[in-house]
Amino acid sequence: MVRIKGVDIPNEKRVEIALTYIFGIGRSLSKEILKKVNVDLNKKAKDLNEDEIVAIRDEMSKHLTEGDLRREVSINVKTKMEIGSYQGVRHRKGLPVRGQRTNRNARTRKGRGKVVANKKKV
């Protein structure tokens, strides 16, 4: 099993798809990286040789991925919360940040509703 950026890449998948298991790399970035290092997109991950793996690692080191990207995102969220921006306030309250409705949905973000004593359902 190939290991890139601390993530095990599945052997049976095409390289283009297998690289998307790394946080911060989607299909388009995966294709771009593989074109730069001249690796066939349809090749299986188990068929990669050492030179190709090293070339892919070198190309990926130019992009923020995995832990570095997660850290960057969490720092950005904390900064927004500290400066008191609208998005920061929404993060702090645990509500949707990007303008979604909250009247009838957003259960994932808001969590389970709290039970209020003697409140009648309407």
C-alpha atoms as a PDB file:
ATOM      1  CA  MET A   1       0.000   0.000   0.000  1.00  0.00           C
ATOM      2  CA  VAL A   2       1.373   3.389  -1.029  1.00  0.00           C
ATOM      3  CA  ARG A   3       1.657   6.045   1.698  1.00  0.00           C
ATOM      4  CA  ILE A   4       1.642   9.721   0.699  1.00  0.00           C
ATOM      5  CA  LYS A   5       1.426  12.625   3.193  1.00  0.00           C
ATOM      6  CA  GLY A   6       0.734  10.160   6.011  1.00  0.00           C
ATOM      7  CA  VAL A   7      -2.324   8.690   4.281  1.00  0.00           C
ATOM      8  CA  ASP A   8      -2.600   5.138   2.981  1.00  0.00           C
ATOM      9  CA  ILE A   9      -3.613   5.237  -0.675  1.00  0.00           C
ATOM     10  CA  PRO A  10      -5.933   2.356  -1.687  1.00  0.00           C
ATOM     11  CA  ASN A  11      -4.190  -0.053  -4.077  1.00  0.00           C
ATOM     12  CA  GLU A  12      -7.144  -1.143  -6.180  1.00  0.00           C
ATOM     13  CA  LYS A  13      -8.294   2.350  -7.193  1.00  0.00           C
ATOM     14  CA  ARG A  14      -7.072   4.454 -10.096  1.00  0.00           C
ATOM     15  CA  VAL A  15      -4.375   6.922  -9.043  1.00  0.00           C
ATOM     16  CA  GLU A  16      -6.593   9.889  -9.940  1.00  0.00           C
ATOM     17  CA  ILE A  17      -9.241   8.700  -7.452  1.00  0.00           C
ATOM     18  CA  ALA A  18      -6.816   7.336  -4.852  1.00  0.00           C
ATOM     19  CA  LEU A  19      -5.130  10.729  -4.390  1.00  0.00           C
ATOM     20  CA  THR A  20      -8.470  12.259  -3.379  1.00  0.00           C
ATOM     21  CA  TYR A  21      -8.256  10.281  -0.104  1.00  0.00           C
ATOM     22  CA  ILE A  22      -5.795  12.984   0.994  1.00  0.00           C
ATOM     23  CA  PHE A  23      -7.510  15.939   2.690  1.00  0.00           C
ATOM     24  CA  GLY A  24      -7.182  19.003   0.470  1.00  0.00           C
ATOM     25  CA  ILE A  25      -6.846  17.145  -2.834  1.00  0.00           C
ATOM     26  CA  GLY A  26      -9.882  16.788  -5.057  1.00  0.00           C
ATOM     27  CA  ARG A  27     -10.302  15.382  -8.540  1.00  0.00           C
ATOM     28  CA  SER A  28      -9.128  18.481 -10.409  1.00  0.00           C
ATOM     29  CA  LEU A  29      -5.967  18.953  -8.320  1.00  0.00           C
ATOM     30  CA  SER A  30      -5.265  15.230  -8.567  1.00  0.00           C
ATOM     31  CA  LYS A  31      -5.459  15.372 -12.371  1.00  0.00           C
ATOM     32  CA  GLU A  32      -3.259  18.468 -12.442  1.00  0.00           C
ATOM     33  CA  ILE A  33      -0.567  16.825 -10.283  1.00  0.00           C
ATOM     34  CA  LEU A  34      -0.575  13.620 -12.335  1.00  0.00           C
ATOM     35  CA  LYS A  35      -0.286  15.539 -15.618  1.00  0.00           C
ATOM     36  CA  LYS A  36       2.706  17.493 -14.284  1.00  0.00           C
ATOM     37  CA  VAL A  37       4.542  14.302 -13.305  1.00  0.00           C
ATOM     38  CA  ASN A  38       3.470  12.443 -16.482  1.00  0.00           C
ATOM     39  CA  VAL A  39       1.604   9.587 -14.799  1.00  0.00           C
ATOM     40  CA  ASP A  40      -1.338   7.916 -16.537  1.00  0.00           C
ATOM     41  CA  LEU A  41      -4.625   8.833 -14.808  1.00  0.00           C
ATOM     42  CA  ASN A  42      -6.047   5.334 -15.318  1.00  0.00           C
ATOM     43  CA  LYS A  43      -3.096   3.526 -13.757  1.00  0.00           C
ATOM     44  CA  LYS A  44      -3.856   1.621 -10.544  1.00  0.00           C
ATOM     45  CA  ALA A  45      -2.121   2.814  -7.381  1.00  0.00           C
ATOM     46  CA  LYS A  46      -0.455  -0.575  -6.884  1.00  0.00           C
ATOM     47  CA  ASP A  47       1.208  -0.269 -10.316  1.00  0.00           C
ATOM     48  CA  LEU A  48       3.091   2.939  -9.447  1.00  0.00           C
ATOM     49  CA  ASN A  49       6.860   2.581  -9.301  1.00  0.00           C
ATOM     50  CA  GLU A  50       9.108   4.349  -6.767  1.00  0.00           C
ATOM     51  CA  ASP A  51      10.119   7.147  -9.168  1.00  0.00           C
ATOM     52  CA  GLU A  52       6.498   8.054  -9.852  1.00  0.00           C
ATOM     53  CA  ILE A  53       5.636   8.001  -6.140  1.00  0.00           C
ATOM     54  CA  VAL A  54       8.562  10.299  -5.344  1.00  0.00           C
ATOM     55  CA  ALA A  55       7.556  12.663  -8.172  1.00  0.00           C
ATOM     56  CA  ILE A  56       3.955  12.773  -6.883  1.00  0.00           C
ATOM     57  CA  ARG A  57       5.181  13.471  -3.327  1.00  0.00           C
ATOM     58  CA  ASP A  58       7.415  16.302  -4.568  1.00  0.00           C
ATOM     59  CA  GLU A  59       4.564  17.880  -6.518  1.00  0.00           C
ATOM     60  CA  MET A  60       2.177  17.539  -3.552  1.00  0.00           C
ATOM     61  CA  SER A  61       4.615  19.246  -1.216  1.00  0.00           C
ATOM     62  CA  LYS A  62       3.845  22.486  -3.099  1.00  0.00           C
ATOM     63  CA  HIS A  63       0.204  22.350  -1.910  1.00  0.00           C
ATOM     64  CA  LEU A  64      -1.339  22.686   1.550  1.00  0.00           C
ATOM     65  CA  THR A  65      -2.777  19.297   2.506  1.00  0.00           C
ATOM     66  CA  GLU A  66      -3.744  17.171   5.508  1.00  0.00           C
ATOM     67  CA  GLY A  67      -2.645  18.553   8.899  1.00  0.00           C
ATOM     68  CA  ASP A  68      -1.314  21.863   7.577  1.00  0.00           C
ATOM     69  CA  LEU A  69      -4.577  22.616   5.769  1.00  0.00           C
ATOM     70  CA  ARG A  70      -6.709  21.563   8.750  1.00  0.00           C
ATOM     71  CA  ARG A  71      -4.629  23.826  11.009  1.00  0.00           C
ATOM     72  CA  GLU A  72      -4.956  26.726   8.561  1.00  0.00           C
ATOM     73  CA  VAL A  73      -8.747  26.341   8.402  1.00  0.00           C
ATOM     74  CA  SER A  74      -9.123  26.177  12.186  1.00  0.00           C
ATOM     75  CA  ILE A  75      -6.913  29.261  12.605  1.00  0.00           C
ATOM     76  CA  ASN A  76      -9.071  31.128  10.073  1.00  0.00           C
ATOM     77  CA  VAL A  77     -12.251  30.183  11.955  1.00  0.00           C
ATOM     78  CA  LYS A  78     -10.734  31.221  15.311  1.00  0.00           C
ATOM     79  CA  THR A  79      -9.627  34.553  13.820  1.00  0.00           C
ATOM     80  CA  LYS A  80     -13.146  35.258  12.546  1.00  0.00           C
ATOM     81  CA  MET A  81     -14.544  34.449  15.979  1.00  0.00           C
ATOM     82  CA  GLU A  82     -12.010  36.710  17.725  1.00  0.00           C
ATOM     83  CA  ILE A  83     -12.614  39.744  15.516  1.00  0.00           C
ATOM     84  CA  GLY A  84     -16.355  39.340  15.954  1.00  0.00           C
ATOM     85  CA  SER A  85     -17.292  39.174  12.285  1.00  0.00           C
ATOM     86  CA  TYR A  86     -20.752  37.929  11.303  1.00  0.00           C
ATOM     87  CA  GLN A  87     -19.315  34.565  10.269  1.00  0.00           C
ATOM     88  CA  GLY A  88     -17.405  34.349  13.542  1.00  0.00           C
ATOM     89  CA  VAL A  89     -20.587  34.960  15.532  1.00  0.00           C
ATOM     90  CA  ARG A  90     -22.381  32.225  13.562  1.00  0.00           C
ATOM     91  CA  HIS A  91     -19.495  29.830  14.254  1.00  0.00           C
ATOM     92  CA  ARG A  92     -19.611  30.679  17.961  1.00  0.00           C
ATOM     93  CA  LYS A  93     -23.375  30.065  18.156  1.00  0.00           C
ATOM     94  CA  GLY A  94     -23.119  26.820  16.192  1.00  0.00           C
ATOM     95  CA  LEU A  95     -25.400  28.028  13.404  1.00  0.00           C
ATOM     96  CA  PRO A  96     -24.951  27.784   9.620  1.00  0.00           C
ATOM     97  CA  VAL A  97     -22.366  30.287   8.430  1.00  0.00           C
ATOM     98  CA  ARG A  98     -23.056  30.772   4.749  1.00  0.00           C
ATOM     99  CA  GLY A  99     -26.579  32.131   4.641  1.00  0.00           C
ATOM    100  CA  GLN A 100     -28.581  28.918   4.814  1.00  0.00           C
ATOM    101  CA  ARG A 101     -32.067  28.907   6.341  1.00  0.00           C
ATOM    102  CA  THR A 102     -32.408  28.025   9.989  1.00  0.00           C
ATOM    103  CA  ASN A 103     -36.178  28.205  10.374  1.00  0.00           C
ATOM    104  CA  ARG A 104     -36.890  24.677   9.180  1.00  0.00           C
ATOM    105  CA  ASN A 105     -33.607  22.933   8.575  1.00  0.00           C
ATOM    106  CA  ALA A 106     -29.987  23.133   9.767  1.00  0.00           C
ATOM    107  CA  ARG A 107     -30.444  20.221  12.205  1.00  0.00           C
ATOM    108  CA  THR A 108     -26.914  19.021  11.551  1.00  0.00           C
ATOM    109  CA  ARG A 109     -25.389  22.337  12.529  1.00  0.00           C
ATOM    110  CA  LYS A 110     -27.801  23.244  15.345  1.00  0.00           C
ATOM    111  CA  GLY A 111     -27.977  19.825  16.991  1.00  0.00           C
ATOM    112  CA  ARG A 112     -30.992  18.255  18.640  1.00  0.00           C
ATOM    113  CA  GLY A 113     -33.617  20.671  19.947  1.00  0.00           C
ATOM    114  CA  LYS A 114     -33.880  21.200  23.704  1.00  0.00           C
ATOM    115  CA  VAL A 115     -37.125  20.210  25.399  1.00  0.00           C
ATOM    116  CA  VAL A 116     -39.026  23.126  26.918  1.00  0.00           C
ATOM    117  CA  ALA A 117     -41.334  22.346  29.846  1.00  0.00           C
ATOM    118  CA  ASN A 118     -45.094  22.910  29.293  1.00  0.00           C
ATOM    119  CA  LYS A 119     -44.625  24.086  25.729  1.00  0.00           C
ATOM    120  CA  LYS A 120     -47.518  23.072  23.515  1.00  0.00           C
ATOM    121  CA  LYS A 121     -46.898  21.986  19.966  1.00  0.00           C
ATOM    122  CA  VAL A 122     -48.558  24.206  17.404  1.00  0.00           C
END
